[in-house]
N, C-alpha and C. Protein backbone atom coordinates (compact mmCIF):
# COMPACT_ATOMS: atom_id res chain seq x y z
N MET A 1 8.34 23.84 -14.51
CA MET A 1 7.51 22.68 -14.27
C MET A 1 8.13 21.82 -13.17
N LYS A 2 7.31 21.42 -12.20
CA LYS A 2 7.79 20.57 -11.11
C LYS A 2 7.93 19.13 -11.58
N THR A 3 8.95 18.48 -11.08
CA THR A 3 9.10 17.05 -11.34
C THR A 3 8.66 16.30 -10.09
N LYS A 4 8.19 15.08 -10.30
CA LYS A 4 7.73 14.29 -9.15
C LYS A 4 8.93 13.83 -8.33
N PRO A 5 8.75 13.71 -7.02
CA PRO A 5 9.84 13.21 -6.18
C PRO A 5 10.22 11.79 -6.59
N LYS A 6 11.50 11.50 -6.58
CA LYS A 6 11.98 10.18 -6.95
C LYS A 6 11.38 9.11 -6.03
N GLY A 7 10.89 8.05 -6.65
CA GLY A 7 10.33 6.93 -5.89
C GLY A 7 8.91 7.14 -5.41
N LYS A 8 8.29 8.23 -5.78
CA LYS A 8 6.90 8.52 -5.37
C LYS A 8 5.98 8.32 -6.56
N TYR A 9 4.85 7.66 -6.34
CA TYR A 9 3.91 7.34 -7.41
C TYR A 9 2.49 7.59 -6.95
N ALA A 10 1.60 7.77 -7.89
CA ALA A 10 0.18 7.87 -7.60
C ALA A 10 -0.58 7.23 -8.76
N TRP A 11 -1.56 6.40 -8.44
CA TRP A 11 -2.39 5.76 -9.44
C TRP A 11 -3.84 5.96 -9.05
N SER A 12 -4.69 5.89 -10.03
CA SER A 12 -6.13 5.95 -9.79
C SER A 12 -6.71 4.57 -10.08
N VAL A 13 -7.58 4.09 -9.20
CA VAL A 13 -8.23 2.80 -9.41
C VAL A 13 -9.73 2.97 -9.20
N THR A 14 -10.49 2.04 -9.75
CA THR A 14 -11.94 2.06 -9.61
C THR A 14 -12.36 0.86 -8.77
N VAL A 15 -13.27 1.09 -7.84
CA VAL A 15 -13.78 0.02 -7.01
C VAL A 15 -14.96 -0.62 -7.73
N GLY A 16 -14.88 -1.95 -7.92
CA GLY A 16 -15.95 -2.68 -8.59
C GLY A 16 -17.14 -2.94 -7.68
N GLU A 17 -18.16 -3.53 -8.23
CA GLU A 17 -19.40 -3.81 -7.49
C GLU A 17 -19.18 -4.67 -6.25
N LYS A 18 -18.18 -5.54 -6.29
CA LYS A 18 -17.89 -6.42 -5.15
C LYS A 18 -16.85 -5.82 -4.21
N GLY A 19 -16.50 -4.55 -4.42
CA GLY A 19 -15.52 -3.89 -3.56
C GLY A 19 -14.08 -4.18 -3.95
N GLN A 20 -13.86 -4.77 -5.10
CA GLN A 20 -12.52 -5.13 -5.55
C GLN A 20 -11.88 -3.98 -6.33
N ILE A 21 -10.56 -3.90 -6.22
CA ILE A 21 -9.80 -2.96 -7.04
C ILE A 21 -8.75 -3.74 -7.82
N VAL A 22 -8.32 -3.18 -8.93
CA VAL A 22 -7.24 -3.77 -9.71
C VAL A 22 -5.99 -2.93 -9.46
N ILE A 23 -4.92 -3.57 -9.04
CA ILE A 23 -3.66 -2.86 -8.82
C ILE A 23 -3.03 -2.66 -10.19
N PRO A 24 -2.72 -1.42 -10.57
CA PRO A 24 -2.17 -1.15 -11.90
C PRO A 24 -0.89 -1.96 -12.18
N LYS A 25 -0.71 -2.32 -13.43
CA LYS A 25 0.42 -3.15 -13.86
C LYS A 25 1.75 -2.53 -13.42
N GLN A 26 1.91 -1.22 -13.61
CA GLN A 26 3.16 -0.56 -13.23
C GLN A 26 3.41 -0.71 -11.73
N ALA A 27 2.37 -0.56 -10.92
CA ALA A 27 2.52 -0.71 -9.47
C ALA A 27 2.90 -2.14 -9.11
N ARG A 28 2.26 -3.12 -9.76
CA ARG A 28 2.61 -4.53 -9.48
C ARG A 28 4.05 -4.81 -9.84
N ALA A 29 4.52 -4.26 -10.94
CA ALA A 29 5.91 -4.47 -11.37
C ALA A 29 6.89 -3.81 -10.40
N ILE A 30 6.63 -2.58 -10.03
CA ILE A 30 7.53 -1.84 -9.14
C ILE A 30 7.65 -2.53 -7.78
N PHE A 31 6.52 -3.00 -7.26
CA PHE A 31 6.51 -3.57 -5.91
C PHE A 31 6.56 -5.10 -5.88
N GLY A 32 6.75 -5.72 -7.05
CA GLY A 32 6.92 -7.17 -7.10
C GLY A 32 5.70 -7.95 -6.68
N ILE A 33 4.51 -7.44 -6.98
CA ILE A 33 3.28 -8.12 -6.60
C ILE A 33 2.93 -9.13 -7.69
N GLU A 34 2.79 -10.38 -7.30
CA GLU A 34 2.52 -11.48 -8.23
C GLU A 34 1.14 -12.08 -7.95
N PRO A 35 0.54 -12.73 -8.95
CA PRO A 35 -0.74 -13.42 -8.71
C PRO A 35 -0.60 -14.40 -7.54
N GLY A 36 -1.58 -14.41 -6.67
CA GLY A 36 -1.56 -15.30 -5.51
C GLY A 36 -0.93 -14.69 -4.26
N ASP A 37 -0.26 -13.54 -4.40
CA ASP A 37 0.33 -12.89 -3.23
C ASP A 37 -0.77 -12.42 -2.29
N SER A 38 -0.46 -12.43 -1.01
CA SER A 38 -1.36 -11.86 -0.01
C SER A 38 -0.82 -10.49 0.36
N LEU A 39 -1.70 -9.52 0.45
CA LEU A 39 -1.30 -8.17 0.81
C LEU A 39 -2.00 -7.76 2.09
N LEU A 40 -1.38 -6.87 2.83
CA LEU A 40 -1.95 -6.34 4.05
C LEU A 40 -2.53 -4.98 3.74
N LEU A 41 -3.79 -4.77 4.06
CA LEU A 41 -4.47 -3.50 3.85
C LEU A 41 -4.61 -2.84 5.21
N LEU A 42 -4.04 -1.66 5.37
CA LEU A 42 -4.09 -0.94 6.63
C LEU A 42 -5.02 0.25 6.49
N GLY A 43 -5.81 0.52 7.51
CA GLY A 43 -6.72 1.66 7.46
C GLY A 43 -6.67 2.49 8.71
N ASP A 44 -6.74 3.78 8.52
CA ASP A 44 -6.79 4.74 9.61
C ASP A 44 -7.86 5.75 9.24
N GLU A 45 -8.89 5.90 10.06
CA GLU A 45 -10.01 6.77 9.71
C GLU A 45 -9.58 8.21 9.46
N LYS A 46 -8.48 8.64 10.04
CA LYS A 46 -7.99 10.01 9.84
C LYS A 46 -7.01 10.13 8.67
N ARG A 47 -6.19 9.11 8.46
CA ARG A 47 -5.13 9.21 7.46
C ARG A 47 -5.42 8.46 6.17
N GLY A 48 -6.34 7.50 6.17
CA GLY A 48 -6.69 6.78 4.95
C GLY A 48 -6.24 5.34 4.94
N ILE A 49 -6.15 4.78 3.74
CA ILE A 49 -5.82 3.37 3.54
C ILE A 49 -4.42 3.27 2.95
N ALA A 50 -3.69 2.25 3.37
CA ALA A 50 -2.34 2.01 2.84
C ALA A 50 -2.17 0.52 2.56
N ILE A 51 -1.46 0.22 1.51
CA ILE A 51 -1.06 -1.16 1.19
C ILE A 51 0.47 -1.14 1.12
N PRO A 52 1.13 -1.46 2.22
CA PRO A 52 2.59 -1.37 2.24
C PRO A 52 3.25 -2.45 1.40
N PRO A 53 4.45 -2.17 0.86
CA PRO A 53 5.19 -3.19 0.11
C PRO A 53 5.51 -4.39 0.99
N LYS A 54 5.60 -5.56 0.36
CA LYS A 54 5.84 -6.80 1.10
C LYS A 54 7.08 -6.73 1.97
N ASP A 55 8.15 -6.14 1.47
CA ASP A 55 9.41 -6.15 2.21
C ASP A 55 9.42 -5.20 3.41
N SER A 56 8.37 -4.44 3.61
CA SER A 56 8.33 -3.53 4.76
C SER A 56 7.57 -4.13 5.94
N MET A 57 7.09 -5.35 5.82
CA MET A 57 6.27 -5.95 6.87
C MET A 57 7.02 -6.10 8.20
N THR A 58 8.26 -6.50 8.17
CA THR A 58 9.02 -6.69 9.41
C THR A 58 9.12 -5.37 10.16
N GLU A 59 9.49 -4.31 9.45
CA GLU A 59 9.60 -2.98 10.06
C GLU A 59 8.24 -2.51 10.57
N LEU A 60 7.21 -2.75 9.79
CA LEU A 60 5.86 -2.34 10.16
C LEU A 60 5.41 -3.03 11.45
N PHE A 61 5.56 -4.34 11.51
CA PHE A 61 5.13 -5.07 12.70
C PHE A 61 5.94 -4.68 13.92
N SER A 62 7.22 -4.39 13.74
CA SER A 62 8.03 -3.92 14.86
C SER A 62 7.48 -2.63 15.42
N THR A 63 7.11 -1.70 14.55
CA THR A 63 6.54 -0.43 14.97
C THR A 63 5.23 -0.63 15.71
N ILE A 64 4.36 -1.48 15.15
CA ILE A 64 3.05 -1.72 15.77
C ILE A 64 3.21 -2.33 17.17
N PHE A 65 4.04 -3.36 17.28
CA PHE A 65 4.13 -4.07 18.55
C PHE A 65 5.03 -3.38 19.56
N GLU A 66 5.74 -2.35 19.16
CA GLU A 66 6.54 -1.57 20.10
C GLU A 66 5.79 -0.33 20.57
N GLY A 67 4.49 -0.26 20.26
CA GLY A 67 3.67 0.85 20.72
C GLY A 67 3.81 2.10 19.87
N GLY A 68 4.19 1.94 18.60
CA GLY A 68 4.38 3.09 17.73
C GLY A 68 3.09 3.73 17.24
N GLY A 69 1.95 3.05 17.39
CA GLY A 69 0.69 3.60 16.89
C GLY A 69 -0.10 4.32 17.96
N GLU A 70 -1.03 5.18 17.52
CA GLU A 70 -1.91 5.87 18.46
C GLU A 70 -3.04 4.96 18.89
N GLU A 71 -3.56 5.20 20.07
CA GLU A 71 -4.72 4.43 20.55
C GLU A 71 -5.93 5.29 20.56
């Protein structure tokens, strides 16, 4: 039996009528997401949607503004 890679997770969520999703409790605990936090939702038509952890924003913005993304 295969074990999951350390630090890798997958959750299933349902989109409500207003387009809202609920972030699972375990995910909120692992990533330190608290009520009132603002999150960045990233989308790529080829790769999908990502919600990066709060502490990765500095690295993310550096990559974006240094030309790390495709045009």
